[in-house]
């Protein structure tokens, strides 16, 4: 059973995708008899595969569940407050999207002893679930599984979702 935070993060991630360029599926099992499930996997018109692991708490981040990062680019998706707790544990090559309410613009003005004024501008992230912000870019990697296996896995899971939606329409 998914928590409301997980559902909210999935919806924010789905809103990030371009419907004319990105093909994606949630909870995709890799391989015909695979035991690895990626929370979300996307294939785009640039022929790039991205994997997303959704984490909603520190316990979830440290859970024994396998991280299925088989894509060219791999990301964590999490609330900003969780990112602040685990940011030093995220591997260099893995990117991260954080859920925020908005970015609050800050400004600091200082004057030195010679009367020269300096302005410093920055933004502070306000935790929330209104949008996803890429706080850490992913490094491009070689695929860790055969591309044909990944794409056929995506097709199988898309068909599963299509059949599930048709079943609900008929009931």
N, C-alpha and C. Protein backbone atom coordinates (compact mmCIF):
# COMPACT_ATOMS: atom_id res chain seq x y z
N UNK A 1 0.85 -1.18 0.00
CA UNK A 1 0.00 0.00 0.00
C UNK A 1 0.89 1.25 0.00
N UNK A 2 0.62 2.16 -0.91
CA UNK A 2 1.42 3.38 -1.02
C UNK A 2 0.95 4.43 -0.03
N UNK A 3 1.92 5.18 0.51
CA UNK A 3 1.57 6.29 1.39
C UNK A 3 1.13 7.47 0.52
N UNK A 4 0.48 8.45 1.15
CA UNK A 4 0.04 9.64 0.42
C UNK A 4 1.26 10.41 -0.10
N UNK A 5 2.34 10.44 0.66
CA UNK A 5 3.56 11.12 0.20
C UNK A 5 4.08 10.49 -1.09
N UNK A 6 4.09 9.16 -1.14
CA UNK A 6 4.55 8.46 -2.34
C UNK A 6 3.66 8.80 -3.53
N UNK A 7 2.35 8.79 -3.32
CA UNK A 7 1.41 9.14 -4.39
C UNK A 7 1.63 10.57 -4.87
N UNK A 8 1.87 11.48 -3.93
CA UNK A 8 2.12 12.89 -4.29
C UNK A 8 3.41 13.02 -5.09
N UNK A 9 4.45 12.30 -4.68
CA UNK A 9 5.72 12.35 -5.41
C UNK A 9 5.57 11.76 -6.81
N UNK A 10 4.79 10.69 -6.95
CA UNK A 10 4.54 10.11 -8.27
C UNK A 10 3.83 11.11 -9.18
N UNK A 11 2.85 11.80 -8.64
CA UNK A 11 2.09 12.78 -9.44
C UNK A 11 2.99 13.93 -9.88
N UNK A 12 3.83 14.42 -8.97
CA UNK A 12 4.76 15.49 -9.33
C UNK A 12 5.73 15.04 -10.41
N UNK A 13 6.22 13.81 -10.30
CA UNK A 13 7.14 13.27 -11.30
C UNK A 13 6.44 13.14 -12.65
N UNK A 14 5.23 12.63 -12.63
CA UNK A 14 4.46 12.48 -13.88
C UNK A 14 4.27 13.83 -14.56
N UNK A 15 4.06 14.87 -13.78
CA UNK A 15 3.87 16.22 -14.33
C UNK A 15 5.16 16.78 -14.96
N UNK A 16 6.31 16.23 -14.60
CA UNK A 16 7.59 16.66 -15.16
C UNK A 16 7.80 16.16 -16.59
N UNK A 17 7.13 15.07 -16.94
CA UNK A 17 7.36 14.44 -18.23
C UNK A 17 6.61 15.16 -19.35
N UNK A 18 7.22 15.17 -20.53
CA UNK A 18 6.63 15.76 -21.72
C UNK A 18 5.81 14.67 -22.42
N UNK A 19 4.48 14.83 -22.54
CA UNK A 19 3.66 13.76 -23.11
C UNK A 19 3.95 13.46 -24.58
N UNK A 20 4.63 14.38 -25.29
CA UNK A 20 4.95 14.14 -26.70
C UNK A 20 6.34 13.57 -26.90
N UNK A 21 7.13 13.51 -25.85
CA UNK A 21 8.53 13.10 -25.98
C UNK A 21 8.91 11.95 -25.04
N UNK A 22 8.21 11.82 -23.92
CA UNK A 22 8.60 10.89 -22.87
C UNK A 22 7.58 9.75 -22.75
N UNK A 23 8.08 8.52 -22.70
CA UNK A 23 7.25 7.34 -22.51
C UNK A 23 7.68 6.72 -21.18
N UNK A 24 6.75 6.57 -20.26
CA UNK A 24 7.13 6.16 -18.91
C UNK A 24 6.10 5.19 -18.33
N UNK A 25 6.55 4.49 -17.32
CA UNK A 25 5.66 3.58 -16.59
C UNK A 25 6.15 3.50 -15.14
N UNK A 26 5.20 3.39 -14.22
CA UNK A 26 5.52 3.24 -12.81
C UNK A 26 5.55 1.75 -12.46
N UNK A 27 6.36 1.41 -11.48
CA UNK A 27 6.49 0.04 -10.96
C UNK A 27 6.74 -0.96 -12.08
N UNK A 28 7.89 -0.82 -12.70
CA UNK A 28 8.26 -1.66 -13.83
C UNK A 28 9.23 -2.76 -13.38
N UNK A 29 8.84 -4.00 -13.61
CA UNK A 29 9.71 -5.14 -13.33
C UNK A 29 10.64 -5.33 -14.51
N UNK A 30 11.94 -5.38 -14.25
CA UNK A 30 12.93 -5.53 -15.31
C UNK A 30 13.14 -7.02 -15.61
N UNK A 31 12.89 -7.41 -16.86
CA UNK A 31 13.06 -8.81 -17.28
C UNK A 31 11.78 -9.60 -17.13
N UNK A 32 11.68 -10.72 -17.86
CA UNK A 32 10.47 -11.54 -17.82
C UNK A 32 10.21 -12.13 -16.44
N UNK A 33 11.25 -12.62 -15.81
CA UNK A 33 11.10 -13.22 -14.48
C UNK A 33 11.92 -12.44 -13.46
N UNK A 34 12.03 -11.14 -13.71
CA UNK A 34 12.89 -10.31 -12.88
C UNK A 34 12.38 -10.11 -11.48
N UNK A 35 13.31 -9.85 -10.59
CA UNK A 35 12.95 -9.56 -9.20
C UNK A 35 13.19 -8.09 -8.89
N UNK A 36 13.76 -7.35 -9.84
CA UNK A 36 14.02 -5.93 -9.62
C UNK A 36 12.87 -5.11 -10.17
N UNK A 37 12.39 -4.18 -9.36
CA UNK A 37 11.31 -3.29 -9.76
C UNK A 37 11.80 -1.86 -9.61
N UNK A 38 11.71 -1.09 -10.68
CA UNK A 38 12.06 0.33 -10.63
C UNK A 38 10.76 1.11 -10.41
N UNK A 39 10.80 2.10 -9.51
CA UNK A 39 9.58 2.86 -9.18
C UNK A 39 9.01 3.55 -10.42
N UNK A 40 9.88 4.11 -11.25
CA UNK A 40 9.43 4.74 -12.50
C UNK A 40 10.59 4.65 -13.49
N UNK A 41 10.26 4.35 -14.74
CA UNK A 41 11.27 4.29 -15.79
C UNK A 41 10.73 5.05 -16.99
N UNK A 42 11.62 5.81 -17.64
CA UNK A 42 11.23 6.66 -18.76
C UNK A 42 12.17 6.44 -19.94
N UNK A 43 11.59 6.43 -21.13
CA UNK A 43 12.35 6.37 -22.38
C UNK A 43 11.92 7.59 -23.18
N UNK A 44 12.89 8.35 -23.73
CA UNK A 44 12.51 9.55 -24.48
C UNK A 44 12.94 9.46 -25.94
N UNK A 45 12.57 10.46 -26.71
CA UNK A 45 12.86 10.47 -28.15
C UNK A 45 14.34 10.64 -28.44
N UNK A 46 15.13 10.95 -27.46
CA UNK A 46 16.59 11.00 -27.62
C UNK A 46 17.21 9.63 -27.35
N UNK A 47 16.34 8.63 -27.19
CA UNK A 47 16.73 7.23 -26.94
C UNK A 47 17.51 7.05 -25.64
N UNK A 48 17.09 7.81 -24.65
CA UNK A 48 17.74 7.78 -23.34
C UNK A 48 16.78 7.17 -22.33
N UNK A 49 17.30 6.32 -21.47
CA UNK A 49 16.49 5.68 -20.43
C UNK A 49 16.86 6.28 -19.08
N UNK A 50 15.83 6.71 -18.34
CA UNK A 50 16.03 7.27 -17.00
C UNK A 50 15.24 6.46 -16.00
N UNK A 51 15.84 6.20 -14.85
CA UNK A 51 15.18 5.47 -13.77
C UNK A 51 15.01 6.39 -12.57
N UNK A 52 13.89 6.24 -11.89
CA UNK A 52 13.56 7.08 -10.74
C UNK A 52 13.18 6.19 -9.56
N UNK A 53 13.85 6.38 -8.45
CA UNK A 53 13.51 5.69 -7.20
C UNK A 53 12.89 6.71 -6.26
N UNK A 54 11.66 6.46 -5.85
CA UNK A 54 10.92 7.39 -5.00
C UNK A 54 11.15 7.00 -3.54
N UNK A 55 11.61 7.96 -2.76
CA UNK A 55 11.86 7.75 -1.34
C UNK A 55 11.12 8.84 -0.56
N UNK A 56 10.38 8.42 0.47
CA UNK A 56 9.56 9.39 1.19
C UNK A 56 9.95 9.56 2.65
N UNK A 57 10.91 8.77 3.13
CA UNK A 57 11.36 8.90 4.52
C UNK A 57 12.79 8.37 4.64
N UNK A 58 13.44 8.66 5.76
CA UNK A 58 14.79 8.17 6.00
C UNK A 58 14.78 6.64 6.05
N UNK A 59 13.76 6.06 6.69
CA UNK A 59 13.65 4.60 6.78
C UNK A 59 13.51 4.00 5.38
N UNK A 60 12.73 4.64 4.53
CA UNK A 60 12.55 4.18 3.15
C UNK A 60 13.88 4.29 2.39
N UNK A 61 14.61 5.37 2.60
CA UNK A 61 15.90 5.57 1.93
C UNK A 61 16.90 4.48 2.33
N UNK A 62 16.87 4.09 3.60
CA UNK A 62 17.82 3.08 4.10
C UNK A 62 17.27 1.66 4.06
N UNK A 63 16.09 1.46 3.47
CA UNK A 63 15.50 0.12 3.46
C UNK A 63 16.35 -0.86 2.66
N UNK A 64 16.08 -2.13 2.88
CA UNK A 64 16.84 -3.19 2.20
C UNK A 64 16.38 -3.40 0.76
N UNK A 65 15.30 -2.71 0.35
CA UNK A 65 14.82 -2.84 -1.03
C UNK A 65 15.93 -2.44 -2.00
N UNK A 66 16.09 -3.23 -3.03
CA UNK A 66 17.15 -2.98 -4.01
C UNK A 66 16.83 -1.72 -4.81
N UNK A 67 17.86 -0.90 -5.04
CA UNK A 67 17.72 0.26 -5.90
C UNK A 67 17.97 -0.18 -7.33
N UNK A 68 16.98 -0.02 -8.18
CA UNK A 68 17.10 -0.48 -9.56
C UNK A 68 17.48 0.71 -10.44
N UNK A 69 18.76 0.97 -10.50
CA UNK A 69 19.30 2.03 -11.32
C UNK A 69 19.98 1.41 -12.53
N UNK A 70 19.20 1.11 -13.57
CA UNK A 70 19.74 0.47 -14.77
C UNK A 70 19.82 1.44 -15.95
N UNK A 71 19.37 2.68 -15.78
CA UNK A 71 19.25 3.63 -16.87
C UNK A 71 20.52 4.39 -17.21
N UNK A 72 20.41 5.17 -18.31
CA UNK A 72 21.49 6.08 -18.68
C UNK A 72 21.63 7.19 -17.64
N UNK A 73 20.49 7.60 -17.09
CA UNK A 73 20.46 8.57 -16.01
C UNK A 73 19.55 8.03 -14.92
N UNK A 74 19.96 8.20 -13.68
CA UNK A 74 19.23 7.63 -12.55
C UNK A 74 19.04 8.70 -11.49
N UNK A 75 17.84 8.73 -10.91
CA UNK A 75 17.48 9.78 -9.96
C UNK A 75 16.77 9.23 -8.73
N UNK A 76 16.95 9.93 -7.61
CA UNK A 76 16.08 9.78 -6.46
C UNK A 76 15.03 10.88 -6.58
N UNK A 77 13.82 10.61 -6.10
CA UNK A 77 12.75 11.60 -6.01
C UNK A 77 12.30 11.58 -4.56
N UNK A 78 12.36 12.75 -3.88
CA UNK A 78 12.09 12.77 -2.44
C UNK A 78 11.67 14.17 -1.99
N UNK A 79 11.07 14.27 -0.80
CA UNK A 79 10.79 15.59 -0.24
C UNK A 79 12.11 16.31 0.08
N UNK A 80 12.09 17.63 0.03
CA UNK A 80 13.29 18.42 0.28
C UNK A 80 13.84 18.17 1.68
N UNK A 81 12.96 18.03 2.67
CA UNK A 81 13.44 17.82 4.04
C UNK A 81 14.20 16.49 4.16
N UNK A 82 13.81 15.48 3.40
CA UNK A 82 14.54 14.22 3.39
C UNK A 82 15.90 14.40 2.71
N UNK A 83 15.92 15.13 1.62
CA UNK A 83 17.19 15.39 0.92
C UNK A 83 18.22 16.00 1.87
N UNK A 84 17.79 16.96 2.68
CA UNK A 84 18.70 17.62 3.61
C UNK A 84 19.31 16.61 4.60
N UNK A 85 18.58 15.55 4.93
CA UNK A 85 19.07 14.55 5.88
C UNK A 85 20.01 13.53 5.24
N UNK A 86 19.81 13.23 3.94
CA UNK A 86 20.55 12.13 3.31
C UNK A 86 21.45 12.58 2.15
N UNK A 87 21.59 13.86 1.90
CA UNK A 87 22.31 14.33 0.71
C UNK A 87 23.75 13.83 0.63
N UNK A 88 24.40 13.62 1.75
CA UNK A 88 25.78 13.14 1.73
C UNK A 88 25.89 11.64 1.45
N UNK A 89 24.75 10.95 1.44
CA UNK A 89 24.73 9.50 1.17
C UNK A 89 24.37 9.18 -0.28
N UNK A 90 24.02 10.19 -1.06
CA UNK A 90 23.64 9.96 -2.45
C UNK A 90 24.90 9.86 -3.30
N UNK A 91 25.06 8.76 -4.04
CA UNK A 91 26.27 8.59 -4.86
C UNK A 91 26.42 9.72 -5.89
N UNK A 92 27.66 9.99 -6.25
CA UNK A 92 28.01 11.08 -7.15
C UNK A 92 27.23 11.03 -8.46
N UNK A 93 27.08 9.84 -9.04
CA UNK A 93 26.49 9.71 -10.37
C UNK A 93 24.95 9.73 -10.36
N UNK A 94 24.33 9.65 -9.19
CA UNK A 94 22.87 9.62 -9.08
C UNK A 94 22.35 11.04 -8.85
N UNK A 95 21.35 11.42 -9.65
CA UNK A 95 20.73 12.73 -9.51
C UNK A 95 19.63 12.71 -8.48
N UNK A 96 19.04 13.88 -8.23
CA UNK A 96 17.98 13.95 -7.24
C UNK A 96 16.99 15.08 -7.57
N UNK A 97 15.71 14.72 -7.55
CA UNK A 97 14.63 15.68 -7.63
C UNK A 97 14.03 15.82 -6.24
N UNK A 98 13.74 17.04 -5.84
CA UNK A 98 13.14 17.27 -4.53
C UNK A 98 11.79 17.96 -4.70
N UNK A 99 10.85 17.59 -3.84
CA UNK A 99 9.54 18.22 -3.82
C UNK A 99 9.63 19.47 -2.96
N UNK A 100 9.20 20.59 -3.53
CA UNK A 100 9.22 21.86 -2.80
C UNK A 100 7.89 22.58 -2.99
N UNK A 101 7.64 23.54 -2.11
CA UNK A 101 6.48 24.42 -2.26
C UNK A 101 6.85 25.54 -3.23
N UNK A 102 7.98 26.19 -2.97
CA UNK A 102 8.50 27.24 -3.83
C UNK A 102 9.92 27.59 -3.40
N UNK A 103 10.56 28.43 -4.18
CA UNK A 103 11.89 28.93 -3.84
C UNK A 103 11.74 30.38 -3.41
N UNK A 104 12.11 30.65 -2.17
CA UNK A 104 12.00 32.00 -1.64
C UNK A 104 13.29 32.75 -1.94
N UNK A 105 13.16 33.88 -2.64
CA UNK A 105 14.33 34.67 -3.02
C UNK A 105 14.83 35.47 -1.82
N UNK A 106 16.12 35.41 -1.59
CA UNK A 106 16.76 36.14 -0.48
C UNK A 106 17.81 37.09 -1.04
N UNK A 107 18.04 38.14 -0.30
CA UNK A 107 19.07 39.12 -0.69
C UNK A 107 19.75 39.64 0.56
N UNK A 108 21.04 39.78 0.46
CA UNK A 108 21.81 40.34 1.58
C UNK A 108 22.70 41.45 1.03
N UNK A 109 22.63 42.63 1.63
CA UNK A 109 23.44 43.76 1.21
C UNK A 109 24.45 44.05 2.31
N UNK A 110 25.73 44.11 1.92
CA UNK A 110 26.78 44.44 2.88
C UNK A 110 27.62 45.59 2.34
N UNK A 111 28.14 46.39 3.25
CA UNK A 111 29.01 47.50 2.87
C UNK A 111 30.30 47.36 3.67
N UNK A 112 31.43 47.42 2.96
CA UNK A 112 32.72 47.29 3.65
C UNK A 112 33.19 48.65 4.16
N UNK A 113 34.37 48.67 4.77
CA UNK A 113 34.87 49.91 5.40
C UNK A 113 35.20 51.00 4.39
N UNK A 114 35.26 50.66 3.09
CA UNK A 114 35.54 51.66 2.05
C UNK A 114 34.28 52.17 1.38
N UNK A 115 33.13 51.73 1.88
CA UNK A 115 31.86 52.19 1.34
C UNK A 115 31.39 51.43 0.11
N UNK A 116 32.05 50.33 -0.21
CA UNK A 116 31.64 49.53 -1.37
C UNK A 116 30.53 48.58 -0.93
N UNK A 117 29.44 48.62 -1.69
CA UNK A 117 28.27 47.79 -1.37
C UNK A 117 28.27 46.54 -2.23
N UNK A 118 28.05 45.42 -1.59
CA UNK A 118 27.92 44.14 -2.28
C UNK A 118 26.54 43.57 -2.03
N UNK A 119 25.95 43.03 -3.11
CA UNK A 119 24.66 42.35 -2.98
C UNK A 119 24.85 40.87 -3.24
N UNK A 120 24.26 40.08 -2.39
CA UNK A 120 24.31 38.62 -2.53
C UNK A 120 22.88 38.13 -2.66
N UNK A 121 22.59 37.38 -3.75
CA UNK A 121 21.26 36.84 -4.01
C UNK A 121 21.31 35.32 -3.94
N UNK A 122 20.27 34.72 -3.38
CA UNK A 122 20.16 33.27 -3.36
C UNK A 122 18.70 32.89 -3.14
N UNK A 123 18.42 31.64 -3.31
CA UNK A 123 17.07 31.15 -3.07
C UNK A 123 17.08 30.09 -2.00
N UNK A 124 16.08 30.11 -1.15
CA UNK A 124 15.91 29.08 -0.13
C UNK A 124 14.71 28.23 -0.51
N UNK A 125 14.88 26.91 -0.43
CA UNK A 125 13.80 25.99 -0.77
C UNK A 125 12.84 25.90 0.40
N UNK A 126 11.55 26.00 0.09
CA UNK A 126 10.51 25.85 1.08
C UNK A 126 9.87 24.48 0.85
N UNK A 127 9.92 23.62 1.86
CA UNK A 127 9.42 22.25 1.73
C UNK A 127 7.93 22.25 1.41
N UNK A 128 7.53 21.32 0.55
CA UNK A 128 6.12 21.21 0.18
C UNK A 128 5.97 20.23 -0.96
N UNK A 129 4.79 20.19 -1.56
CA UNK A 129 4.52 19.23 -2.64
C UNK A 129 3.85 19.91 -3.83
N UNK A 130 4.35 21.10 -4.21
CA UNK A 130 3.77 21.80 -5.36
C UNK A 130 4.53 21.55 -6.65
N UNK A 131 5.84 21.32 -6.56
CA UNK A 131 6.64 21.10 -7.77
C UNK A 131 7.89 20.30 -7.44
N UNK A 132 8.47 19.71 -8.49
CA UNK A 132 9.75 19.01 -8.34
C UNK A 132 10.85 19.90 -8.90
N UNK A 133 11.96 19.91 -8.19
CA UNK A 133 13.12 20.70 -8.60
C UNK A 133 14.33 19.77 -8.66
N UNK A 134 15.07 19.82 -9.76
CA UNK A 134 16.27 18.99 -9.88
C UNK A 134 17.40 19.67 -9.12
N UNK A 135 17.67 19.17 -7.93
CA UNK A 135 18.67 19.78 -7.06
C UNK A 135 20.06 19.21 -7.32
N UNK A 136 20.10 18.04 -7.98
CA UNK A 136 21.37 17.38 -8.28
C UNK A 136 21.23 16.64 -9.60
N UNK A 137 22.06 17.00 -10.57
CA UNK A 137 22.00 16.37 -11.90
C UNK A 137 22.60 14.98 -11.87
N UNK A 138 22.05 14.11 -12.70
CA UNK A 138 22.58 12.75 -12.83
C UNK A 138 23.67 12.73 -13.89
N UNK A 139 24.65 11.88 -13.68
CA UNK A 139 25.70 11.67 -14.69
C UNK A 139 25.22 10.63 -15.68
N UNK A 140 25.55 10.83 -16.94
CA UNK A 140 25.16 9.85 -17.97
C UNK A 140 26.03 8.61 -17.84
N UNK A 141 25.36 7.44 -17.80
CA UNK A 141 26.05 6.16 -17.62
C UNK A 141 25.66 5.21 -18.75
N UNK A 142 26.43 4.16 -18.90
CA UNK A 142 26.03 3.07 -19.79
C UNK A 142 24.90 2.30 -19.12
N UNK A 143 24.02 1.72 -19.93
CA UNK A 143 22.93 0.93 -19.38
C UNK A 143 23.48 -0.27 -18.62
N UNK A 144 22.82 -0.63 -17.54
CA UNK A 144 23.24 -1.78 -16.74
C UNK A 144 22.42 -3.03 -17.07
N UNK A 145 21.58 -2.92 -18.07
CA UNK A 145 20.80 -4.07 -18.56
C UNK A 145 20.67 -3.88 -20.08
N UNK A 146 20.34 -4.95 -20.75
CA UNK A 146 20.17 -4.89 -22.19
C UNK A 146 18.99 -3.97 -22.53
N UNK A 147 19.20 -3.08 -23.51
CA UNK A 147 18.18 -2.11 -23.87
C UNK A 147 16.88 -2.78 -24.31
N UNK A 148 16.99 -3.87 -25.05
CA UNK A 148 15.80 -4.59 -25.51
C UNK A 148 15.01 -5.16 -24.33
N UNK A 149 15.71 -5.66 -23.33
CA UNK A 149 15.06 -6.19 -22.13
C UNK A 149 14.33 -5.06 -21.40
N UNK A 150 14.99 -3.91 -21.28
CA UNK A 150 14.37 -2.76 -20.59
C UNK A 150 13.12 -2.31 -21.33
N UNK A 151 13.22 -2.13 -22.65
CA UNK A 151 12.07 -1.65 -23.41
C UNK A 151 10.92 -2.66 -23.43
N UNK A 152 11.23 -3.94 -23.54
CA UNK A 152 10.16 -4.95 -23.52
C UNK A 152 9.52 -5.00 -22.13
N UNK A 153 10.31 -4.77 -21.08
CA UNK A 153 9.75 -4.71 -19.72
C UNK A 153 8.79 -3.53 -19.59
N UNK A 154 9.19 -2.40 -20.17
CA UNK A 154 8.31 -1.22 -20.13
C UNK A 154 7.00 -1.49 -20.87
N UNK A 155 7.09 -2.10 -22.05
CA UNK A 155 5.89 -2.41 -22.83
C UNK A 155 4.95 -3.34 -22.07
N UNK A 156 5.52 -4.36 -21.45
CA UNK A 156 4.71 -5.32 -20.68
C UNK A 156 3.98 -4.61 -19.54
N UNK A 157 4.67 -3.71 -18.84
CA UNK A 157 4.06 -2.99 -17.72
C UNK A 157 3.04 -1.96 -18.20
N UNK A 158 3.30 -1.35 -19.36
CA UNK A 158 2.31 -0.42 -19.93
C UNK A 158 1.03 -1.17 -20.29
N UNK A 159 1.19 -2.37 -20.85
CA UNK A 159 0.03 -3.20 -21.19
C UNK A 159 -0.72 -3.59 -19.92
N UNK A 160 0.00 -3.92 -18.87
CA UNK A 160 -0.62 -4.25 -17.57
C UNK A 160 -1.49 -3.09 -17.10
N UNK A 161 -0.94 -1.86 -17.16
CA UNK A 161 -1.69 -0.68 -16.73
C UNK A 161 -2.89 -0.42 -17.62
N UNK A 162 -2.73 -0.61 -18.92
CA UNK A 162 -3.84 -0.42 -19.86
C UNK A 162 -4.96 -1.40 -19.56
N UNK A 163 -4.61 -2.66 -19.35
CA UNK A 163 -5.62 -3.68 -19.04
C UNK A 163 -6.30 -3.39 -17.71
N UNK A 164 -5.54 -2.92 -16.74
CA UNK A 164 -6.10 -2.58 -15.43
C UNK A 164 -7.11 -1.44 -15.57
N UNK A 165 -6.78 -0.42 -16.36
CA UNK A 165 -7.70 0.71 -16.56
C UNK A 165 -8.95 0.30 -17.32
N UNK A 166 -8.81 -0.59 -18.30
CA UNK A 166 -9.98 -1.08 -19.04
C UNK A 166 -10.90 -1.86 -18.13
N UNK A 167 -10.31 -2.67 -17.25
CA UNK A 167 -11.11 -3.47 -16.31
C UNK A 167 -11.96 -2.55 -15.42
N UNK A 168 -11.37 -1.43 -14.96
CA UNK A 168 -12.11 -0.51 -14.11
C UNK A 168 -13.23 0.20 -14.88
N UNK A 169 -13.00 0.45 -16.18
CA UNK A 169 -14.03 1.10 -17.00
C UNK A 169 -15.24 0.20 -17.17
N UNK A 170 -15.02 -1.10 -17.29
CA UNK A 170 -16.12 -2.02 -17.53
C UNK A 170 -16.92 -2.33 -16.26
N UNK A 171 -16.32 -2.16 -15.12
CA UNK A 171 -17.01 -2.51 -13.87
C UNK A 171 -17.99 -1.46 -13.42
